[in-house]
């Protein structure tokens, strides 16, 4: 597990990530002109970009800070017929404080991973459609 100093950085990183997510969402909404006319596609894309910014900043920031929760997290993909299930298994600690940070880490990691690919696809479609 990581040192105490790297764990102390997690609360600041969490708040910074939340602020970056809201800022990205607000900037996306403002840039698309949502206050004057509502285009639901741009609202959805702005919220997705904000979620990806939040998740990516916390996930990558925690790894750069030296907090290694990855040894406690294992992913599994099950294919049954036309359904594909992504299952995340998490080994908990004996400390409730660490378990809370582990849960936040897994949430940010899965949010970032699940929003990154669709946003890259939409970005590619946008740039190739010009």
N, C-alpha and C. Protein backbone atom coordinates (compact mmCIF):
# COMPACT_ATOMS: atom_id res chain seq x y z
N UNK A 1 0.84 -1.19 0.00
CA UNK A 1 0.00 0.00 0.00
C UNK A 1 0.87 1.23 0.00
N UNK A 2 0.31 2.36 -0.25
CA UNK A 2 1.04 3.61 -0.38
C UNK A 2 1.42 4.18 0.98
N UNK A 3 2.30 5.15 0.93
CA UNK A 3 2.71 5.84 2.15
C UNK A 3 1.59 6.73 2.65
N UNK A 4 1.72 7.15 3.90
CA UNK A 4 0.71 8.01 4.52
C UNK A 4 0.61 9.35 3.80
N UNK A 5 1.76 9.89 3.33
CA UNK A 5 1.74 11.20 2.67
C UNK A 5 0.95 11.16 1.37
N UNK A 6 1.03 10.04 0.63
CA UNK A 6 0.27 9.95 -0.61
C UNK A 6 -1.22 9.78 -0.32
N UNK A 7 -1.58 9.12 0.78
CA UNK A 7 -2.99 9.00 1.15
C UNK A 7 -3.56 10.33 1.60
N UNK A 8 -2.72 11.19 2.19
CA UNK A 8 -3.19 12.50 2.61
C UNK A 8 -3.53 13.40 1.43
N UNK A 9 -2.99 13.09 0.26
CA UNK A 9 -3.27 13.89 -0.93
C UNK A 9 -4.62 13.56 -1.54
N UNK A 10 -5.22 12.43 -1.18
CA UNK A 10 -6.48 12.01 -1.81
C UNK A 10 -7.65 12.97 -1.57
N UNK A 11 -7.85 13.51 -0.36
CA UNK A 11 -8.99 14.44 -0.21
C UNK A 11 -8.88 15.68 -1.10
N UNK A 12 -7.68 16.26 -1.21
CA UNK A 12 -7.50 17.43 -2.09
C UNK A 12 -7.70 17.04 -3.54
N UNK A 13 -7.19 15.86 -3.91
CA UNK A 13 -7.36 15.39 -5.28
C UNK A 13 -8.82 15.13 -5.60
N UNK A 14 -9.58 14.61 -4.65
CA UNK A 14 -11.01 14.36 -4.83
C UNK A 14 -11.76 15.66 -5.09
N UNK A 15 -11.51 16.68 -4.26
CA UNK A 15 -12.18 17.97 -4.43
C UNK A 15 -11.76 18.63 -5.74
N UNK A 16 -10.48 18.56 -6.08
CA UNK A 16 -9.99 19.12 -7.34
C UNK A 16 -10.63 18.42 -8.52
N UNK A 17 -10.78 17.11 -8.44
CA UNK A 17 -11.41 16.35 -9.52
C UNK A 17 -12.87 16.72 -9.71
N UNK A 18 -13.58 16.88 -8.61
CA UNK A 18 -14.99 17.28 -8.69
C UNK A 18 -15.11 18.67 -9.31
N UNK A 19 -14.27 19.60 -8.88
CA UNK A 19 -14.30 20.95 -9.46
C UNK A 19 -13.95 20.93 -10.94
N UNK A 20 -12.97 20.12 -11.34
CA UNK A 20 -12.59 20.02 -12.75
C UNK A 20 -13.74 19.43 -13.57
N UNK A 21 -14.45 18.46 -13.02
CA UNK A 21 -15.59 17.88 -13.72
C UNK A 21 -16.70 18.89 -13.93
N UNK A 22 -17.03 19.65 -12.89
CA UNK A 22 -18.06 20.68 -13.04
C UNK A 22 -17.62 21.79 -13.97
N UNK A 23 -16.35 22.17 -13.90
CA UNK A 23 -15.83 23.21 -14.78
C UNK A 23 -15.87 22.76 -16.23
N UNK A 24 -15.50 21.52 -16.50
CA UNK A 24 -15.56 20.99 -17.86
C UNK A 24 -16.99 20.93 -18.37
N UNK A 25 -17.91 20.50 -17.51
CA UNK A 25 -19.32 20.46 -17.90
C UNK A 25 -19.83 21.86 -18.20
N UNK A 26 -19.55 22.81 -17.32
CA UNK A 26 -20.00 24.19 -17.52
C UNK A 26 -19.39 24.83 -18.75
N UNK A 27 -18.10 24.58 -18.98
CA UNK A 27 -17.43 25.13 -20.15
C UNK A 27 -18.01 24.53 -21.43
N UNK A 28 -18.30 23.23 -21.40
CA UNK A 28 -18.91 22.60 -22.57
C UNK A 28 -20.30 23.14 -22.85
N UNK A 29 -21.07 23.36 -21.80
CA UNK A 29 -22.41 23.92 -21.99
C UNK A 29 -22.35 25.35 -22.50
N UNK A 30 -21.44 26.13 -21.95
CA UNK A 30 -21.30 27.52 -22.39
C UNK A 30 -20.82 27.59 -23.84
N UNK A 31 -19.84 26.75 -24.20
CA UNK A 31 -19.30 26.76 -25.56
C UNK A 31 -20.33 26.32 -26.59
N UNK A 32 -21.24 25.47 -26.20
CA UNK A 32 -22.26 25.01 -27.15
C UNK A 32 -23.47 25.93 -27.19
N UNK A 33 -23.48 26.97 -26.39
CA UNK A 33 -24.56 27.95 -26.43
C UNK A 33 -25.84 27.47 -25.77
N UNK A 34 -25.73 26.64 -24.76
CA UNK A 34 -26.92 26.07 -24.13
C UNK A 34 -27.81 27.11 -23.44
N UNK A 35 -27.25 28.17 -22.80
CA UNK A 35 -28.19 29.11 -22.18
C UNK A 35 -29.16 29.75 -23.17
N UNK A 36 -28.75 29.97 -24.43
CA UNK A 36 -29.64 30.61 -25.39
C UNK A 36 -30.59 29.61 -26.05
N UNK A 37 -30.10 28.44 -26.40
CA UNK A 37 -30.97 27.39 -26.97
C UNK A 37 -30.43 26.04 -26.53
N UNK A 38 -31.34 25.18 -26.16
CA UNK A 38 -30.95 23.89 -25.61
C UNK A 38 -30.84 22.87 -26.74
N UNK A 39 -29.65 22.34 -26.93
CA UNK A 39 -29.40 21.22 -27.84
C UNK A 39 -29.04 20.04 -26.94
N UNK A 40 -29.90 19.06 -26.83
CA UNK A 40 -29.72 17.98 -25.86
C UNK A 40 -28.48 17.16 -26.13
N UNK A 41 -28.07 17.04 -27.37
CA UNK A 41 -26.85 16.30 -27.68
C UNK A 41 -25.65 16.97 -27.02
N UNK A 42 -25.58 18.31 -27.09
CA UNK A 42 -24.46 19.02 -26.48
C UNK A 42 -24.51 18.98 -24.96
N UNK A 43 -25.71 18.94 -24.40
CA UNK A 43 -25.85 18.81 -22.95
C UNK A 43 -25.31 17.44 -22.51
N UNK A 44 -25.69 16.40 -23.23
CA UNK A 44 -25.23 15.05 -22.88
C UNK A 44 -23.73 14.93 -23.06
N UNK A 45 -23.20 15.46 -24.16
CA UNK A 45 -21.75 15.41 -24.39
C UNK A 45 -20.98 16.22 -23.36
N UNK A 46 -21.52 17.35 -22.93
CA UNK A 46 -20.85 18.16 -21.91
C UNK A 46 -20.81 17.45 -20.56
N UNK A 47 -21.91 16.80 -20.21
CA UNK A 47 -21.94 16.05 -18.95
C UNK A 47 -21.00 14.85 -19.03
N UNK A 48 -20.95 14.18 -20.17
CA UNK A 48 -20.03 13.05 -20.34
C UNK A 48 -18.57 13.52 -20.28
N UNK A 49 -18.27 14.64 -20.90
CA UNK A 49 -16.90 15.18 -20.85
C UNK A 49 -16.53 15.58 -19.43
N UNK A 50 -17.48 16.15 -18.69
CA UNK A 50 -17.23 16.50 -17.29
C UNK A 50 -16.99 15.27 -16.43
N UNK A 51 -17.76 14.22 -16.66
CA UNK A 51 -17.56 12.97 -15.93
C UNK A 51 -16.22 12.33 -16.25
N UNK A 52 -15.85 12.37 -17.52
CA UNK A 52 -14.55 11.80 -17.91
C UNK A 52 -13.41 12.63 -17.33
N UNK A 53 -13.56 13.94 -17.29
CA UNK A 53 -12.51 14.79 -16.70
C UNK A 53 -12.37 14.51 -15.21
N UNK A 54 -13.48 14.38 -14.50
CA UNK A 54 -13.45 14.06 -13.08
C UNK A 54 -12.80 12.70 -12.84
N UNK A 55 -13.30 11.67 -13.53
CA UNK A 55 -12.80 10.32 -13.33
C UNK A 55 -11.33 10.18 -13.71
N UNK A 56 -10.97 10.77 -14.84
CA UNK A 56 -9.59 10.69 -15.30
C UNK A 56 -8.62 11.42 -14.38
N UNK A 57 -9.02 12.59 -13.91
CA UNK A 57 -8.13 13.35 -13.03
C UNK A 57 -7.91 12.61 -11.71
N UNK A 58 -8.97 12.05 -11.14
CA UNK A 58 -8.80 11.35 -9.87
C UNK A 58 -8.05 10.04 -10.05
N UNK A 59 -8.40 9.27 -11.07
CA UNK A 59 -7.75 7.98 -11.31
C UNK A 59 -6.27 8.15 -11.63
N UNK A 60 -5.96 9.01 -12.58
CA UNK A 60 -4.56 9.22 -12.96
C UNK A 60 -3.80 9.93 -11.85
N UNK A 61 -4.45 10.90 -11.20
CA UNK A 61 -3.80 11.62 -10.09
C UNK A 61 -3.47 10.71 -8.92
N UNK A 62 -4.37 9.80 -8.59
CA UNK A 62 -4.10 8.87 -7.49
C UNK A 62 -2.93 7.95 -7.83
N UNK A 63 -2.86 7.50 -9.07
CA UNK A 63 -1.73 6.66 -9.48
C UNK A 63 -0.43 7.44 -9.48
N UNK A 64 -0.46 8.70 -9.92
CA UNK A 64 0.75 9.52 -9.91
C UNK A 64 1.19 9.88 -8.49
N UNK A 65 0.22 9.95 -7.57
CA UNK A 65 0.54 10.26 -6.17
C UNK A 65 1.13 9.05 -5.45
N UNK A 66 1.10 7.90 -6.08
CA UNK A 66 1.69 6.71 -5.47
C UNK A 66 0.71 5.83 -4.72
N UNK A 67 -0.58 6.09 -4.87
CA UNK A 67 -1.59 5.26 -4.21
C UNK A 67 -1.89 4.10 -5.14
N UNK A 68 -1.52 2.90 -4.75
CA UNK A 68 -1.69 1.75 -5.64
C UNK A 68 -2.82 0.85 -5.13
N UNK A 69 -4.03 1.16 -5.56
CA UNK A 69 -5.19 0.35 -5.23
C UNK A 69 -5.39 -0.76 -6.25
N UNK A 70 -4.64 -0.75 -7.34
CA UNK A 70 -4.86 -1.71 -8.43
C UNK A 70 -4.68 -3.16 -7.99
N UNK A 71 -3.86 -3.40 -6.99
CA UNK A 71 -3.69 -4.78 -6.52
C UNK A 71 -4.94 -5.32 -5.85
N UNK A 72 -5.82 -4.44 -5.44
CA UNK A 72 -7.06 -4.84 -4.77
C UNK A 72 -8.25 -4.93 -5.73
N UNK A 73 -8.05 -4.57 -6.99
CA UNK A 73 -9.15 -4.51 -7.95
C UNK A 73 -8.88 -5.51 -9.08
N UNK A 74 -9.91 -6.29 -9.41
CA UNK A 74 -9.79 -7.26 -10.50
C UNK A 74 -11.05 -7.16 -11.36
N UNK A 75 -10.86 -7.10 -12.67
CA UNK A 75 -11.99 -7.01 -13.60
C UNK A 75 -12.25 -8.34 -14.27
N UNK A 76 -13.52 -8.56 -14.57
CA UNK A 76 -13.92 -9.79 -15.25
C UNK A 76 -14.98 -9.42 -16.29
N UNK A 77 -14.86 -10.02 -17.45
CA UNK A 77 -15.85 -9.81 -18.52
C UNK A 77 -16.52 -11.14 -18.81
N UNK A 78 -17.84 -11.15 -18.74
CA UNK A 78 -18.61 -12.36 -19.03
C UNK A 78 -19.48 -12.11 -20.25
N UNK A 79 -19.45 -13.05 -21.17
CA UNK A 79 -20.27 -12.96 -22.37
C UNK A 79 -21.28 -14.09 -22.32
N UNK A 80 -22.54 -13.70 -22.31
CA UNK A 80 -23.60 -14.70 -22.31
C UNK A 80 -24.62 -14.31 -23.38
N UNK A 81 -24.55 -14.99 -24.50
CA UNK A 81 -25.44 -14.65 -25.61
C UNK A 81 -25.06 -13.31 -26.20
N UNK A 82 -26.00 -12.39 -26.22
CA UNK A 82 -25.71 -11.06 -26.75
C UNK A 82 -25.36 -10.06 -25.64
N UNK A 83 -25.32 -10.52 -24.40
CA UNK A 83 -24.99 -9.64 -23.28
C UNK A 83 -23.51 -9.75 -22.93
N UNK A 84 -22.89 -8.61 -22.68
CA UNK A 84 -21.52 -8.55 -22.20
C UNK A 84 -21.56 -7.84 -20.86
N UNK A 85 -21.16 -8.54 -19.80
CA UNK A 85 -21.17 -7.98 -18.45
C UNK A 85 -19.75 -7.70 -18.00
N UNK A 86 -19.54 -6.49 -17.51
CA UNK A 86 -18.25 -6.11 -16.94
C UNK A 86 -18.41 -6.12 -15.43
N UNK A 87 -17.66 -6.98 -14.76
CA UNK A 87 -17.78 -7.14 -13.31
C UNK A 87 -16.45 -6.75 -12.67
N UNK A 88 -16.52 -5.90 -11.68
CA UNK A 88 -15.33 -5.47 -10.95
C UNK A 88 -15.36 -6.10 -9.57
N UNK A 89 -14.32 -6.86 -9.25
CA UNK A 89 -14.18 -7.47 -7.93
C UNK A 89 -13.20 -6.64 -7.12
N UNK A 90 -13.55 -6.33 -5.87
CA UNK A 90 -12.73 -5.48 -5.03
C UNK A 90 -12.45 -6.20 -3.72
N UNK A 91 -11.17 -6.30 -3.36
CA UNK A 91 -10.78 -6.82 -2.05
C UNK A 91 -10.72 -5.64 -1.09
N UNK A 92 -11.44 -5.73 0.00
CA UNK A 92 -11.49 -4.62 0.94
C UNK A 92 -10.33 -4.69 1.94
N UNK A 93 -10.08 -3.57 2.58
CA UNK A 93 -9.11 -3.48 3.66
C UNK A 93 -9.82 -3.72 4.99
N UNK A 94 -9.08 -3.75 6.07
CA UNK A 94 -9.69 -3.82 7.39
C UNK A 94 -10.03 -2.44 7.92
N UNK A 95 -9.57 -1.41 7.23
CA UNK A 95 -9.77 -0.02 7.64
C UNK A 95 -10.92 0.57 6.83
N UNK A 96 -11.93 1.13 7.50
CA UNK A 96 -13.08 1.68 6.79
C UNK A 96 -12.72 2.93 6.00
N UNK A 97 -11.75 3.70 6.48
CA UNK A 97 -11.31 4.89 5.74
C UNK A 97 -10.67 4.52 4.41
N UNK A 98 -9.82 3.49 4.44
CA UNK A 98 -9.20 3.03 3.19
C UNK A 98 -10.23 2.40 2.27
N UNK A 99 -11.21 1.70 2.83
CA UNK A 99 -12.26 1.11 2.00
C UNK A 99 -13.07 2.20 1.29
N UNK A 100 -13.31 3.31 1.97
CA UNK A 100 -14.05 4.41 1.35
C UNK A 100 -13.27 4.99 0.18
N UNK A 101 -11.94 5.19 0.37
CA UNK A 101 -11.11 5.71 -0.72
C UNK A 101 -10.98 4.70 -1.84
N UNK A 102 -10.94 3.42 -1.51
CA UNK A 102 -10.89 2.38 -2.53
C UNK A 102 -12.17 2.40 -3.37
N UNK A 103 -13.31 2.56 -2.73
CA UNK A 103 -14.57 2.65 -3.45
C UNK A 103 -14.63 3.85 -4.38
N UNK A 104 -14.13 4.99 -3.90
CA UNK A 104 -14.09 6.19 -4.74
C UNK A 104 -13.14 6.00 -5.92
N UNK A 105 -12.03 5.35 -5.65
CA UNK A 105 -11.04 5.08 -6.70
C UNK A 105 -11.65 4.19 -7.79
N UNK A 106 -12.33 3.12 -7.39
CA UNK A 106 -12.95 2.21 -8.35
C UNK A 106 -14.04 2.92 -9.13
N UNK A 107 -14.83 3.76 -8.45
CA UNK A 107 -15.88 4.53 -9.13
C UNK A 107 -15.27 5.44 -10.19
N UNK A 108 -14.23 6.20 -9.83
CA UNK A 108 -13.60 7.13 -10.78
C UNK A 108 -12.96 6.36 -11.93
N UNK A 109 -12.34 5.25 -11.62
CA UNK A 109 -11.67 4.42 -12.64
C UNK A 109 -12.68 3.88 -13.64
N UNK A 110 -13.79 3.34 -13.17
CA UNK A 110 -14.80 2.79 -14.06
C UNK A 110 -15.53 3.90 -14.84
N UNK A 111 -15.76 5.04 -14.21
CA UNK A 111 -16.40 6.17 -14.89
C UNK A 111 -15.52 6.67 -16.02
N UNK A 112 -14.24 6.84 -15.74
CA UNK A 112 -13.30 7.31 -16.75
C UNK A 112 -13.22 6.32 -17.90
N UNK A 113 -13.09 5.05 -17.58
CA UNK A 113 -12.98 4.03 -18.62
C UNK A 113 -14.23 3.88 -19.47
N UNK A 114 -15.39 4.02 -18.84
CA UNK A 114 -16.63 3.84 -19.59
C UNK A 114 -17.00 5.06 -20.42
N UNK A 115 -16.48 6.24 -20.09
CA UNK A 115 -16.80 7.44 -20.86
C UNK A 115 -15.73 7.80 -21.88
N UNK A 116 -14.53 7.29 -21.72
CA UNK A 116 -13.44 7.67 -22.60
C UNK A 116 -13.65 7.17 -24.03
N UNK A 117 -13.99 5.93 -24.20
CA UNK A 117 -14.14 5.36 -25.55
C UNK A 117 -15.30 6.02 -26.32
N UNK A 118 -16.50 6.18 -25.74
CA UNK A 118 -17.55 6.86 -26.51
C UNK A 118 -17.20 8.30 -26.87
N UNK A 119 -16.52 9.02 -25.96
CA UNK A 119 -16.14 10.39 -26.29
C UNK A 119 -15.11 10.43 -27.41
N UNK A 120 -14.18 9.49 -27.44
CA UNK A 120 -13.21 9.43 -28.53
C UNK A 120 -13.89 9.08 -29.86
N UNK A 121 -14.88 8.21 -29.80
CA UNK A 121 -15.63 7.88 -31.02
C UNK A 121 -16.39 9.11 -31.53
N UNK A 122 -17.07 9.82 -30.62
CA UNK A 122 -17.79 11.03 -31.04
C UNK A 122 -16.83 12.10 -31.55
N UNK A 123 -15.68 12.26 -30.94
CA UNK A 123 -14.69 13.22 -31.41
C UNK A 123 -14.20 12.85 -32.81
N UNK A 124 -13.95 11.57 -33.03
CA UNK A 124 -13.52 11.12 -34.35
C UNK A 124 -14.59 11.35 -35.40
N UNK A 125 -15.84 11.07 -35.06
CA UNK A 125 -16.93 11.33 -36.00
C UNK A 125 -17.07 12.81 -36.30
N UNK A 126 -16.89 13.65 -35.28
CA UNK A 126 -17.00 15.09 -35.46
C UNK A 126 -15.91 15.61 -36.39
N UNK A 127 -14.67 15.19 -36.16
CA UNK A 127 -13.56 15.70 -36.95
C UNK A 127 -13.56 15.15 -38.37
N UNK A 128 -14.02 13.91 -38.56
CA UNK A 128 -14.07 13.37 -39.91
C UNK A 128 -15.30 13.80 -40.68
N UNK A 129 -16.29 14.35 -39.99
CA UNK A 129 -17.51 14.83 -40.66
C UNK A 129 -17.35 16.24 -41.20
N UNK A 130 -16.29 16.90 -40.81
CA UNK A 130 -16.09 18.30 -41.25
C UNK A 130 -15.71 18.35 -42.71
